[in-house]
């Protein structure tokens, strides 16, 4: 029966395989991915907590805030890579804590981690470019939607945002319009009271004796 150290070494050494090329072989490989877990994209290993993974996924999605399905797919790929890096770190600890150090397995683990980091960097760069373009388009669409919303208010008619192809909610556009108006009013106040070049310091409260 294989020891834990041998199992860990086998898991690391399996990373050297280039993988099957046929569809049948790929299907078998997909099942075998459970043995080492470093190339499994969606399957959690027996020692991994589904709840922890769900929180990790939700947190990453919230941090990157993708605008559409294409961006979400890239974020999910980055999440997958980060999760596998964490998995690789745990296997590395197991290799280092074994009675006999398997230098080959340790080297394989280092190479695999390096590949994952390069993959993450490339995907992150692709996401940034797409997200930047999406943000610019979304900002322009919001400006157009604000004009439509204000025209609806002026004519006292129901919202025509959806009729004009906008997917923003009335609440989102209303909040954006109000925020813009607040900025305009703030600029007027600053200009009126000569506060353009310095901050007005609030008067400290009287000391209570």
N, C-alpha and C. Protein backbone atom coordinates (compact mmCIF):
# COMPACT_ATOMS: atom_id res chain seq x y z
N UNK A 1 0.85 -1.20 0.00
CA UNK A 1 0.00 0.00 0.00
C UNK A 1 0.88 1.24 0.00
N UNK A 2 0.58 2.20 -0.88
CA UNK A 2 1.40 3.41 -1.00
C UNK A 2 1.27 4.28 0.23
N UNK A 3 2.38 4.88 0.61
CA UNK A 3 2.36 5.80 1.75
C UNK A 3 1.85 7.16 1.29
N UNK A 4 1.57 8.04 2.26
CA UNK A 4 1.12 9.39 1.91
C UNK A 4 2.17 10.12 1.10
N UNK A 5 3.44 9.91 1.45
CA UNK A 5 4.52 10.58 0.72
C UNK A 5 4.57 10.12 -0.72
N UNK A 6 4.39 8.81 -0.93
CA UNK A 6 4.39 8.29 -2.29
C UNK A 6 3.20 8.81 -3.10
N UNK A 7 2.04 8.86 -2.45
CA UNK A 7 0.86 9.41 -3.13
C UNK A 7 1.08 10.85 -3.54
N UNK A 8 1.67 11.62 -2.65
CA UNK A 8 1.93 13.02 -2.95
C UNK A 8 2.90 13.15 -4.11
N UNK A 9 3.94 12.32 -4.10
CA UNK A 9 4.92 12.35 -5.19
C UNK A 9 4.27 11.97 -6.51
N UNK A 10 3.42 10.96 -6.47
CA UNK A 10 2.71 10.54 -7.69
C UNK A 10 1.83 11.68 -8.22
N UNK A 11 1.19 12.38 -7.31
CA UNK A 11 0.33 13.50 -7.71
C UNK A 11 1.16 14.58 -8.39
N UNK A 12 2.32 14.87 -7.84
CA UNK A 12 3.17 15.91 -8.42
C UNK A 12 3.77 15.46 -9.75
N UNK A 13 4.22 14.20 -9.81
CA UNK A 13 4.84 13.69 -11.04
C UNK A 13 3.84 13.62 -12.18
N UNK A 14 2.56 13.47 -11.85
CA UNK A 14 1.55 13.38 -12.90
C UNK A 14 1.44 14.67 -13.69
N UNK A 15 1.98 15.74 -13.14
CA UNK A 15 1.90 17.04 -13.82
C UNK A 15 2.74 17.07 -15.08
N UNK A 16 3.71 16.16 -15.21
CA UNK A 16 4.57 16.15 -16.39
C UNK A 16 3.86 15.63 -17.63
N UNK A 17 2.78 14.92 -17.47
CA UNK A 17 2.08 14.34 -18.61
C UNK A 17 1.47 15.42 -19.47
N UNK A 18 1.61 15.26 -20.80
CA UNK A 18 1.02 16.25 -21.72
C UNK A 18 -0.46 15.99 -21.91
N UNK A 19 -0.95 14.83 -21.45
CA UNK A 19 -2.38 14.55 -21.53
C UNK A 19 -2.77 13.85 -22.81
N UNK A 20 -3.91 13.18 -22.82
CA UNK A 20 -4.39 12.47 -24.00
C UNK A 20 -4.88 13.43 -25.06
N UNK A 21 -4.90 12.95 -26.31
CA UNK A 21 -5.34 13.78 -27.42
C UNK A 21 -6.73 13.40 -27.92
N UNK A 22 -7.13 12.14 -27.77
CA UNK A 22 -8.44 11.70 -28.25
C UNK A 22 -9.52 12.13 -27.27
N UNK A 23 -10.79 12.19 -27.75
CA UNK A 23 -11.90 12.59 -26.88
C UNK A 23 -12.10 11.57 -25.77
N UNK A 24 -11.98 10.27 -26.13
CA UNK A 24 -12.13 9.23 -25.11
C UNK A 24 -11.05 9.35 -24.06
N UNK A 25 -9.84 9.61 -24.54
CA UNK A 25 -8.73 9.76 -23.60
C UNK A 25 -8.91 10.95 -22.70
N UNK A 26 -9.44 12.04 -23.27
CA UNK A 26 -9.68 13.23 -22.47
C UNK A 26 -10.72 12.97 -21.39
N UNK A 27 -11.71 12.18 -21.72
CA UNK A 27 -12.75 11.86 -20.74
C UNK A 27 -12.16 11.08 -19.58
N UNK A 28 -11.28 10.12 -19.90
CA UNK A 28 -10.62 9.34 -18.85
C UNK A 28 -9.72 10.24 -18.02
N UNK A 29 -8.99 11.12 -18.72
CA UNK A 29 -8.10 12.03 -18.03
C UNK A 29 -8.86 12.93 -17.07
N UNK A 30 -10.06 13.35 -17.49
CA UNK A 30 -10.87 14.21 -16.63
C UNK A 30 -11.20 13.52 -15.32
N UNK A 31 -11.51 12.23 -15.40
CA UNK A 31 -11.80 11.47 -14.18
C UNK A 31 -10.52 11.28 -13.35
N UNK A 32 -9.40 11.05 -14.05
CA UNK A 32 -8.15 10.84 -13.34
C UNK A 32 -7.65 12.11 -12.65
N UNK A 33 -8.16 13.25 -13.09
CA UNK A 33 -7.72 14.52 -12.50
C UNK A 33 -8.00 14.55 -11.01
N UNK A 34 -8.95 13.75 -10.55
CA UNK A 34 -9.26 13.70 -9.13
C UNK A 34 -8.08 13.16 -8.32
N UNK A 35 -7.20 12.40 -8.98
CA UNK A 35 -6.11 11.78 -8.25
C UNK A 35 -5.09 12.80 -7.77
N UNK A 36 -4.83 13.84 -8.59
CA UNK A 36 -3.86 14.83 -8.16
C UNK A 36 -4.46 16.20 -7.96
N UNK A 37 -5.60 16.48 -8.59
CA UNK A 37 -6.35 17.68 -8.28
C UNK A 37 -5.80 18.97 -8.84
N UNK A 38 -4.63 18.98 -9.41
CA UNK A 38 -4.03 20.22 -9.88
C UNK A 38 -4.51 20.62 -11.25
N UNK A 39 -5.08 19.69 -12.00
CA UNK A 39 -5.59 20.03 -13.32
C UNK A 39 -7.10 19.92 -13.38
N UNK A 40 -7.72 19.61 -12.24
CA UNK A 40 -9.19 19.54 -12.20
C UNK A 40 -9.73 20.95 -12.11
N UNK A 41 -10.61 21.33 -13.04
CA UNK A 41 -11.07 22.71 -13.10
C UNK A 41 -12.23 22.99 -12.15
N UNK A 42 -13.12 22.05 -11.99
CA UNK A 42 -14.33 22.35 -11.22
C UNK A 42 -14.55 21.40 -10.05
N UNK A 43 -13.84 20.29 -10.00
CA UNK A 43 -14.08 19.29 -8.96
C UNK A 43 -13.27 19.61 -7.72
N UNK A 44 -13.94 19.61 -6.58
CA UNK A 44 -13.25 19.82 -5.32
C UNK A 44 -12.66 18.50 -4.84
N UNK A 45 -11.50 18.59 -4.24
CA UNK A 45 -10.87 17.42 -3.68
C UNK A 45 -11.57 17.04 -2.37
N UNK A 46 -11.44 15.79 -1.94
CA UNK A 46 -12.12 15.35 -0.72
C UNK A 46 -11.80 16.18 0.52
N UNK A 47 -10.59 16.76 0.57
CA UNK A 47 -10.21 17.53 1.75
C UNK A 47 -10.54 19.02 1.62
N UNK A 48 -11.27 19.40 0.55
CA UNK A 48 -11.61 20.80 0.34
C UNK A 48 -13.06 21.08 0.70
N UNK A 49 -13.28 22.22 1.30
CA UNK A 49 -14.59 22.61 1.80
C UNK A 49 -15.36 23.36 0.71
N UNK A 50 -16.54 22.84 0.35
CA UNK A 50 -17.35 23.49 -0.69
C UNK A 50 -17.77 24.89 -0.26
N UNK A 51 -18.03 25.07 1.03
CA UNK A 51 -18.43 26.38 1.53
C UNK A 51 -17.31 27.40 1.40
N UNK A 52 -16.09 26.97 1.71
CA UNK A 52 -14.93 27.86 1.59
C UNK A 52 -14.73 28.24 0.13
N UNK A 53 -14.89 27.27 -0.76
CA UNK A 53 -14.73 27.54 -2.19
C UNK A 53 -15.79 28.52 -2.67
N UNK A 54 -17.04 28.34 -2.21
CA UNK A 54 -18.13 29.22 -2.62
C UNK A 54 -17.88 30.65 -2.15
N UNK A 55 -17.39 30.81 -0.93
CA UNK A 55 -17.08 32.14 -0.40
C UNK A 55 -15.93 32.77 -1.17
N UNK A 56 -14.93 31.95 -1.50
CA UNK A 56 -13.79 32.44 -2.26
C UNK A 56 -14.23 32.92 -3.63
N UNK A 57 -15.08 32.14 -4.30
CA UNK A 57 -15.59 32.50 -5.62
C UNK A 57 -16.40 33.79 -5.56
N UNK A 58 -17.31 33.87 -4.58
CA UNK A 58 -18.15 35.06 -4.45
C UNK A 58 -17.32 36.30 -4.16
N UNK A 59 -16.31 36.15 -3.31
CA UNK A 59 -15.45 37.28 -2.98
C UNK A 59 -14.66 37.79 -4.17
N UNK A 60 -14.14 36.86 -4.96
CA UNK A 60 -13.37 37.25 -6.15
C UNK A 60 -14.27 37.92 -7.19
N UNK A 61 -15.47 37.37 -7.39
CA UNK A 61 -16.40 37.97 -8.34
C UNK A 61 -16.77 39.38 -7.89
N UNK A 62 -16.95 39.56 -6.60
CA UNK A 62 -17.31 40.87 -6.07
C UNK A 62 -16.15 41.85 -6.24
N UNK A 63 -14.92 41.37 -6.07
CA UNK A 63 -13.76 42.23 -6.19
C UNK A 63 -13.54 42.71 -7.62
N UNK A 64 -13.70 41.81 -8.59
CA UNK A 64 -13.45 42.17 -9.98
C UNK A 64 -14.67 42.80 -10.64
N UNK A 65 -15.86 42.52 -10.13
CA UNK A 65 -17.09 43.15 -10.61
C UNK A 65 -17.22 43.10 -12.13
N UNK A 66 -17.29 41.90 -12.73
CA UNK A 66 -17.41 41.81 -14.19
C UNK A 66 -18.73 42.39 -14.68
N UNK A 67 -18.69 43.01 -15.87
CA UNK A 67 -19.87 43.67 -16.42
C UNK A 67 -20.75 42.73 -17.24
N UNK A 68 -20.16 41.69 -17.82
CA UNK A 68 -20.92 40.83 -18.73
C UNK A 68 -20.43 39.39 -18.65
N UNK A 69 -21.03 38.53 -19.48
CA UNK A 69 -20.71 37.11 -19.44
C UNK A 69 -19.27 36.84 -19.84
N UNK A 70 -18.76 37.59 -20.82
CA UNK A 70 -17.38 37.39 -21.27
C UNK A 70 -16.39 37.71 -20.14
N UNK A 71 -16.63 38.80 -19.43
CA UNK A 71 -15.75 39.16 -18.32
C UNK A 71 -15.89 38.16 -17.18
N UNK A 72 -17.11 37.70 -16.93
CA UNK A 72 -17.33 36.72 -15.87
C UNK A 72 -16.57 35.44 -16.14
N UNK A 73 -16.53 35.02 -17.40
CA UNK A 73 -15.80 33.80 -17.77
C UNK A 73 -14.31 33.95 -17.46
N UNK A 74 -13.76 35.14 -17.74
CA UNK A 74 -12.35 35.38 -17.46
C UNK A 74 -12.08 35.40 -15.95
N UNK A 75 -12.99 36.00 -15.20
CA UNK A 75 -12.83 36.03 -13.74
C UNK A 75 -12.91 34.62 -13.17
N UNK A 76 -13.82 33.82 -13.68
CA UNK A 76 -13.94 32.44 -13.21
C UNK A 76 -12.67 31.65 -13.51
N UNK A 77 -12.04 31.95 -14.65
CA UNK A 77 -10.78 31.28 -14.98
C UNK A 77 -9.69 31.69 -13.99
N UNK A 78 -9.65 32.97 -13.64
CA UNK A 78 -8.67 33.42 -12.66
C UNK A 78 -8.93 32.81 -11.28
N UNK A 79 -10.20 32.68 -10.93
CA UNK A 79 -10.55 32.05 -9.66
C UNK A 79 -10.07 30.61 -9.64
N UNK A 80 -10.29 29.92 -10.75
CA UNK A 80 -9.87 28.53 -10.86
C UNK A 80 -8.36 28.40 -10.69
N UNK A 81 -7.62 29.30 -11.33
CA UNK A 81 -6.16 29.25 -11.24
C UNK A 81 -5.70 29.52 -9.81
N UNK A 82 -6.29 30.51 -9.17
CA UNK A 82 -5.92 30.83 -7.80
C UNK A 82 -6.23 29.67 -6.85
N UNK A 83 -7.36 29.02 -7.08
CA UNK A 83 -7.74 27.88 -6.23
C UNK A 83 -6.74 26.74 -6.41
N UNK A 84 -6.30 26.49 -7.64
CA UNK A 84 -5.34 25.43 -7.89
C UNK A 84 -3.95 25.78 -7.34
N UNK A 85 -3.63 27.08 -7.31
CA UNK A 85 -2.38 27.49 -6.68
C UNK A 85 -2.40 27.20 -5.18
N UNK A 86 -3.53 27.42 -4.58
CA UNK A 86 -3.66 27.11 -3.15
C UNK A 86 -3.52 25.61 -2.92
N UNK A 87 -4.10 24.86 -3.82
CA UNK A 87 -4.01 23.40 -3.75
C UNK A 87 -2.57 22.95 -3.92
N UNK A 88 -1.86 23.58 -4.86
CA UNK A 88 -0.45 23.25 -5.10
C UNK A 88 0.39 23.55 -3.86
N UNK A 89 0.06 24.64 -3.18
CA UNK A 89 0.79 25.00 -1.97
C UNK A 89 0.63 23.94 -0.89
N UNK A 90 -0.58 23.41 -0.77
CA UNK A 90 -0.81 22.37 0.23
C UNK A 90 -0.02 21.11 -0.10
N UNK A 91 0.01 20.74 -1.38
CA UNK A 91 0.77 19.56 -1.78
C UNK A 91 2.27 19.78 -1.58
N UNK A 92 2.73 21.00 -1.79
CA UNK A 92 4.14 21.31 -1.58
C UNK A 92 4.51 21.12 -0.11
N UNK A 93 3.61 21.53 0.77
CA UNK A 93 3.85 21.35 2.21
C UNK A 93 3.95 19.88 2.54
N UNK A 94 3.09 19.07 1.93
CA UNK A 94 3.12 17.64 2.18
C UNK A 94 4.43 17.03 1.70
N UNK A 95 4.95 17.49 0.56
CA UNK A 95 6.21 16.98 0.05
C UNK A 95 7.36 17.35 1.00
N UNK A 96 7.35 18.60 1.45
CA UNK A 96 8.43 19.07 2.32
C UNK A 96 8.38 18.44 3.70
N UNK A 97 7.19 18.04 4.13
CA UNK A 97 7.06 17.45 5.46
C UNK A 97 7.23 15.94 5.47
N UNK A 98 7.43 15.34 4.29
CA UNK A 98 7.63 13.89 4.22
C UNK A 98 8.98 13.52 4.84
N UNK A 99 9.10 12.27 5.29
CA UNK A 99 10.34 11.82 5.91
C UNK A 99 11.50 11.90 4.93
N UNK A 100 11.23 11.54 3.66
CA UNK A 100 12.26 11.61 2.62
C UNK A 100 11.84 12.67 1.60
N UNK A 101 12.70 13.64 1.38
CA UNK A 101 12.37 14.72 0.47
C UNK A 101 12.47 14.25 -0.97
N UNK A 102 11.39 14.38 -1.71
CA UNK A 102 11.35 14.01 -3.13
C UNK A 102 11.63 15.27 -3.95
N UNK A 103 12.88 15.43 -4.34
CA UNK A 103 13.27 16.64 -5.06
C UNK A 103 12.60 16.74 -6.43
N UNK A 104 12.39 15.60 -7.08
CA UNK A 104 11.75 15.62 -8.39
C UNK A 104 10.30 16.10 -8.27
N UNK A 105 9.60 15.57 -7.28
CA UNK A 105 8.21 16.00 -7.07
C UNK A 105 8.15 17.48 -6.71
N UNK A 106 9.11 17.92 -5.89
CA UNK A 106 9.15 19.33 -5.49
C UNK A 106 9.41 20.22 -6.70
N UNK A 107 10.29 19.78 -7.58
CA UNK A 107 10.58 20.55 -8.79
C UNK A 107 9.37 20.61 -9.70
N UNK A 108 8.68 19.46 -9.85
CA UNK A 108 7.46 19.43 -10.66
C UNK A 108 6.42 20.39 -10.12
N UNK A 109 6.29 20.43 -8.79
CA UNK A 109 5.33 21.32 -8.17
C UNK A 109 5.68 22.78 -8.43
N UNK A 110 6.97 23.09 -8.38
CA UNK A 110 7.42 24.46 -8.62
C UNK A 110 7.14 24.87 -10.07
N UNK A 111 7.40 23.96 -11.01
CA UNK A 111 7.15 24.25 -12.42
C UNK A 111 5.66 24.46 -12.68
N UNK A 112 4.85 23.61 -12.05
CA UNK A 112 3.40 23.72 -12.25
C UNK A 112 2.87 25.04 -11.69
N UNK A 113 3.35 25.41 -10.52
CA UNK A 113 2.92 26.68 -9.91
C UNK A 113 3.31 27.86 -10.79
N UNK A 114 4.52 27.79 -11.37
CA UNK A 114 4.98 28.86 -12.25
C UNK A 114 4.08 28.98 -13.48
N UNK A 115 3.66 27.83 -14.03
CA UNK A 115 2.76 27.85 -15.19
C UNK A 115 1.42 28.46 -14.82
N UNK A 116 0.92 28.12 -13.64
CA UNK A 116 -0.35 28.67 -13.20
C UNK A 116 -0.26 30.19 -13.02
N UNK A 117 0.84 30.66 -12.47
CA UNK A 117 1.01 32.10 -12.27
C UNK A 117 1.08 32.84 -13.60
N UNK A 118 1.74 32.24 -14.59
CA UNK A 118 1.79 32.87 -15.91
C UNK A 118 0.41 32.90 -16.54
N UNK A 119 -0.33 31.82 -16.34
CA UNK A 119 -1.70 31.76 -16.87
C UNK A 119 -2.56 32.83 -16.23
N UNK A 120 -2.41 33.01 -14.92
CA UNK A 120 -3.19 34.02 -14.21
C UNK A 120 -2.86 35.41 -14.73
N UNK A 121 -1.57 35.70 -14.91
CA UNK A 121 -1.15 37.02 -15.38
C UNK A 121 -1.71 37.32 -16.76
N UNK A 122 -1.68 36.32 -17.65
CA UNK A 122 -2.19 36.53 -19.01
C UNK A 122 -3.69 36.75 -18.99
N UNK A 123 -4.40 35.97 -18.19
CA UNK A 123 -5.86 36.11 -18.11
C UNK A 123 -6.24 37.44 -17.47
N UNK A 124 -5.49 37.83 -16.45
CA UNK A 124 -5.77 39.10 -15.77
C UNK A 124 -5.58 40.27 -16.72
N UNK A 125 -4.54 40.23 -17.54
CA UNK A 125 -4.30 41.29 -18.51
C UNK A 125 -5.44 41.35 -19.52
N UNK A 126 -5.90 40.19 -19.98
CA UNK A 126 -7.02 40.15 -20.93
C UNK A 126 -8.28 40.70 -20.29
N UNK A 127 -8.51 40.36 -19.02
CA UNK A 127 -9.68 40.88 -18.31
C UNK A 127 -9.61 42.39 -18.18
N UNK A 128 -8.44 42.92 -17.81
CA UNK A 128 -8.29 44.36 -17.64
C UNK A 128 -8.63 45.12 -18.91
N UNK A 129 -8.14 44.63 -20.03
CA UNK A 129 -8.40 45.29 -21.31
C UNK A 129 -9.88 45.26 -21.65
N UNK A 130 -10.51 44.11 -21.47
CA UNK A 130 -11.93 43.99 -21.76
C UNK A 130 -12.76 44.82 -20.79
N UNK A 131 -12.38 44.80 -19.51
CA UNK A 131 -13.13 45.53 -18.49
C UNK A 131 -13.03 47.04 -18.72
N UNK A 132 -11.86 47.50 -19.14
CA UNK A 132 -11.66 48.92 -19.42
C UNK A 132 -12.57 49.38 -20.57
N UNK A 133 -12.62 48.56 -21.62
CA UNK A 133 -13.46 48.88 -22.77
C UNK A 133 -14.94 48.84 -22.37
N UNK A 134 -15.31 47.84 -21.56
CA UNK A 134 -16.70 47.71 -21.13
C UNK A 134 -17.11 48.89 -20.25
N UNK A 135 -16.20 49.30 -19.37
CA UNK A 135 -16.50 50.43 -18.48
C UNK A 135 -16.72 51.71 -19.29
N UNK A 136 -15.86 51.94 -20.29
CA UNK A 136 -16.00 53.13 -21.11
C UNK A 136 -17.33 53.14 -21.85
N UNK A 137 -17.70 51.98 -22.41
CA UNK A 137 -18.98 51.87 -23.11
C UNK A 137 -20.14 52.06 -22.14
N UNK A 138 -20.02 51.48 -20.96
CA UNK A 138 -21.11 51.58 -19.96
C UNK A 138 -21.29 53.01 -19.49
N UNK A 139 -20.19 53.73 -19.31
CA UNK A 139 -20.27 55.12 -18.87
C UNK A 139 -20.98 55.98 -19.92
N UNK A 140 -20.68 55.74 -21.20
CA UNK A 140 -21.33 56.50 -22.27
C UNK A 140 -22.82 56.16 -22.32
N UNK A 141 -23.13 54.89 -22.16
CA UNK A 141 -24.54 54.47 -22.17
C UNK A 141 -25.29 55.09 -20.99
N UNK A 142 -24.62 55.20 -19.83
CA UNK A 142 -25.26 55.79 -18.67
C UNK A 142 -25.56 57.27 -18.91
N UNK A 143 -24.64 57.98 -19.57
CA UNK A 143 -24.88 59.39 -19.89
C UNK A 143 -26.10 59.55 -20.79
N UNK A 144 -26.20 58.67 -21.78
CA UNK A 144 -27.36 58.71 -22.68
C UNK A 144 -28.64 58.39 -21.92
N UNK A 145 -28.54 57.41 -21.02
CA UNK A 145 -29.71 57.02 -20.24
C UNK A 145 -30.16 58.14 -19.32
N UNK A 146 -29.20 58.90 -18.79
CA UNK A 146 -29.53 60.03 -17.92
C UNK A 146 -30.34 61.08 -18.69
N UNK A 147 -29.94 61.33 -19.94
CA UNK A 147 -30.67 62.30 -20.77
C UNK A 147 -32.11 61.83 -21.01
N UNK A 148 -32.25 60.54 -21.30
CA UNK A 148 -33.60 59.98 -21.53
C UNK A 148 -34.43 60.09 -20.26
N UNK A 149 -33.81 59.78 -19.13
CA UNK A 149 -34.52 59.83 -17.86
C UNK A 149 -35.00 61.25 -17.55
N UNK A 150 -34.14 62.22 -17.76
CA UNK A 150 -34.51 63.60 -17.47
C UNK A 150 -35.58 64.10 -18.44
N UNK A 151 -35.55 63.62 -19.69
CA UNK A 151 -36.60 63.98 -20.65
C UNK A 151 -37.93 63.38 -20.20
N UNK A 152 -37.88 62.16 -19.67
CA UNK A 152 -39.11 61.53 -19.15
C UNK A 152 -39.68 62.34 -18.00
N UNK A 153 -38.79 62.82 -17.12
CA UNK A 153 -39.25 63.63 -16.00
C UNK A 153 -39.86 64.95 -16.50
N UNK A 154 -39.20 65.57 -17.46
CA UNK A 154 -39.67 66.87 -17.97
C UNK A 154 -41.05 66.74 -18.60
N UNK A 155 -41.30 65.63 -19.28
CA UNK A 155 -42.59 65.41 -19.94
C UNK A 155 -43.59 64.68 -19.05
N UNK A 156 -43.14 64.38 -17.81
CA UNK A 156 -44.01 63.69 -16.85
C UNK A 156 -44.61 62.42 -17.45
N UNK A 157 -43.73 61.61 -18.05
CA UNK A 157 -44.18 60.37 -18.68
C UNK A 157 -43.47 59.17 -18.03
N UNK A 158 -44.03 57.98 -18.18
CA UNK A 158 -43.37 56.79 -17.64
C UNK A 158 -41.98 56.61 -18.27
N UNK A 159 -41.13 55.89 -17.59
CA UNK A 159 -39.77 55.68 -18.09
C UNK A 159 -39.76 55.01 -19.46
N UNK A 160 -38.94 55.54 -20.35
CA UNK A 160 -38.80 54.97 -21.69
C UNK A 160 -37.41 54.35 -21.87
N UNK A 161 -36.72 54.09 -20.75
CA UNK A 161 -35.37 53.52 -20.84
C UNK A 161 -35.37 52.19 -21.57
N UNK A 162 -36.27 51.30 -21.16
CA UNK A 162 -36.32 49.97 -21.79
C UNK A 162 -36.73 50.08 -23.25
N UNK A 163 -37.65 51.00 -23.54
CA UNK A 163 -38.10 51.17 -24.93
C UNK A 163 -36.96 51.61 -25.83
N UNK A 164 -35.97 52.29 -25.25
CA UNK A 164 -34.84 52.78 -26.04
C UNK A 164 -33.62 51.86 -25.96
N UNK A 165 -33.83 50.66 -25.44
CA UNK A 165 -32.77 49.64 -25.45
C UNK A 165 -31.80 49.67 -24.30
N UNK A 166 -32.08 50.44 -23.24
CA UNK A 166 -31.18 50.48 -22.09
C UNK A 166 -31.54 49.38 -21.09
N UNK A 167 -30.52 48.73 -20.53
CA UNK A 167 -30.78 47.69 -19.54
C UNK A 167 -30.57 48.19 -18.11
N UNK A 168 -30.31 49.50 -17.95
CA UNK A 168 -30.21 50.07 -16.60
C UNK A 168 -31.61 50.13 -15.99
N UNK A 169 -31.67 49.98 -14.67
CA UNK A 169 -32.94 50.16 -13.99
C UNK A 169 -33.19 51.65 -13.79
N UNK A 170 -34.44 52.01 -13.56
CA UNK A 170 -34.79 53.41 -13.30
C UNK A 170 -34.05 53.90 -12.07
N UNK A 171 -33.94 53.03 -11.06
CA UNK A 171 -33.24 53.40 -9.83
C UNK A 171 -31.77 53.71 -10.07
N UNK A 172 -31.11 52.91 -10.90
CA UNK A 172 -29.69 53.13 -11.19
C UNK A 172 -29.48 54.46 -11.89
N UNK A 173 -30.32 54.75 -12.88
CA UNK A 173 -30.17 56.00 -13.62
C UNK A 173 -30.53 57.20 -12.75
N UNK A 174 -31.58 57.05 -11.95
CA UNK A 174 -31.99 58.13 -11.05
C UNK A 174 -30.86 58.48 -10.09
N UNK A 175 -30.23 57.44 -9.52
CA UNK A 175 -29.13 57.67 -8.58
C UNK A 175 -27.97 58.36 -9.26
N UNK A 176 -27.68 57.98 -10.50
CA UNK A 176 -26.59 58.61 -11.25
C UNK A 176 -26.90 60.07 -11.53
N UNK A 177 -28.16 60.37 -11.92
CA UNK A 177 -28.56 61.75 -12.19
C UNK A 177 -28.44 62.59 -10.93
N UNK A 178 -28.93 62.07 -9.81
CA UNK A 178 -28.89 62.80 -8.55
C UNK A 178 -27.45 63.04 -8.11
N UNK A 179 -26.58 62.05 -8.34
CA UNK A 179 -25.17 62.21 -7.98
C UNK A 179 -24.52 63.31 -8.80
N UNK A 180 -24.83 63.36 -10.10
CA UNK A 180 -24.30 64.40 -10.96
C UNK A 180 -24.80 65.78 -10.53
N UNK A 181 -26.07 65.85 -10.17
CA UNK A 181 -26.63 67.12 -9.72
C UNK A 181 -25.99 67.58 -8.41
N UNK A 182 -25.70 66.60 -7.54
CA UNK A 182 -25.07 66.93 -6.26
C UNK A 182 -23.67 67.51 -6.48
N UNK A 183 -22.95 66.95 -7.45
CA UNK A 183 -21.61 67.45 -7.77
C UNK A 183 -21.68 68.88 -8.31
N UNK A 184 -22.65 69.12 -9.19
CA UNK A 184 -22.83 70.46 -9.75
C UNK A 184 -23.13 71.47 -8.65
N UNK A 185 -24.04 71.10 -7.74
CA UNK A 185 -24.39 71.99 -6.63
C UNK A 185 -23.20 72.24 -5.72
N UNK A 186 -22.41 71.20 -5.49
CA UNK A 186 -21.24 71.35 -4.62
C UNK A 186 -20.24 72.31 -5.24
N UNK A 187 -20.06 72.23 -6.55
CA UNK A 187 -19.13 73.15 -7.23
C UNK A 187 -19.62 74.58 -7.12
N UNK A 188 -20.93 74.79 -7.21
CA UNK A 188 -21.49 76.14 -7.09
C UNK A 188 -21.25 76.70 -5.69
N UNK A 189 -21.44 75.87 -4.69
CA UNK A 189 -21.25 76.31 -3.31
C UNK A 189 -19.79 76.68 -3.06
N UNK A 190 -18.89 75.83 -3.55
CA UNK A 190 -17.45 76.09 -3.37
C UNK A 190 -17.06 77.39 -4.05
N UNK A 191 -17.59 77.60 -5.27
CA UNK A 191 -17.28 78.83 -6.00
C UNK A 191 -17.86 80.06 -5.31
N UNK A 192 -19.08 79.93 -4.79
CA UNK A 192 -19.77 81.05 -4.16
C UNK A 192 -19.06 81.51 -2.90
N UNK A 193 -18.55 80.56 -2.11
CA UNK A 193 -17.94 80.93 -0.84
C UNK A 193 -16.41 81.00 -0.92
N UNK A 194 -15.88 80.97 -2.14
CA UNK A 194 -14.44 81.11 -2.30
C UNK A 194 -13.64 79.98 -1.71
N UNK A 195 -14.14 78.77 -1.81
CA UNK A 195 -13.46 77.63 -1.21
C UNK A 195 -12.77 76.76 -2.25
N UNK A 196 -12.55 77.33 -3.43
CA UNK A 196 -12.01 76.52 -4.52
C UNK A 196 -10.59 76.04 -4.23
N UNK A 197 -9.80 76.84 -3.50
CA UNK A 197 -8.40 76.49 -3.31
C UNK A 197 -8.06 76.01 -1.90
N UNK A 198 -9.05 75.88 -1.05
CA UNK A 198 -8.75 75.33 0.27
C UNK A 198 -10.02 74.73 0.85
N UNK A 199 -9.82 73.87 1.83
CA UNK A 199 -10.95 73.20 2.47
C UNK A 199 -11.47 74.04 3.62
N UNK A 200 -12.79 74.06 3.76
CA UNK A 200 -13.39 74.74 4.90
C UNK A 200 -13.26 73.83 6.12
N UNK A 201 -12.61 74.33 7.15
CA UNK A 201 -12.41 73.52 8.34
C UNK A 201 -13.62 73.66 9.26
N UNK A 202 -14.20 72.54 9.69
CA UNK A 202 -15.36 72.62 10.59
C UNK A 202 -14.95 73.16 11.94
N UNK A 203 -15.85 73.92 12.55
CA UNK A 203 -15.59 74.46 13.89
C UNK A 203 -15.67 73.35 14.91
N UNK A 204 -14.62 73.17 15.72
CA UNK A 204 -14.63 72.08 16.70
C UNK A 204 -15.71 72.29 17.73
N UNK A 205 -16.32 71.26 18.23
CA UNK A 205 -17.38 71.42 19.24
C UNK A 205 -16.79 71.95 20.55
N UNK A 206 -17.63 72.69 21.30
CA UNK A 206 -17.16 73.24 22.58
C UNK A 206 -16.88 72.11 23.55
N UNK A 207 -15.80 72.30 24.30
CA UNK A 207 -15.45 71.28 25.28
C UNK A 207 -16.44 71.28 26.43
N UNK A 208 -16.92 70.11 26.76
CA UNK A 208 -17.88 69.99 27.85
C UNK A 208 -17.13 69.89 29.17
N UNK A 209 -17.45 70.78 30.08
CA UNK A 209 -16.76 70.80 31.39
C UNK A 209 -17.58 69.99 32.38
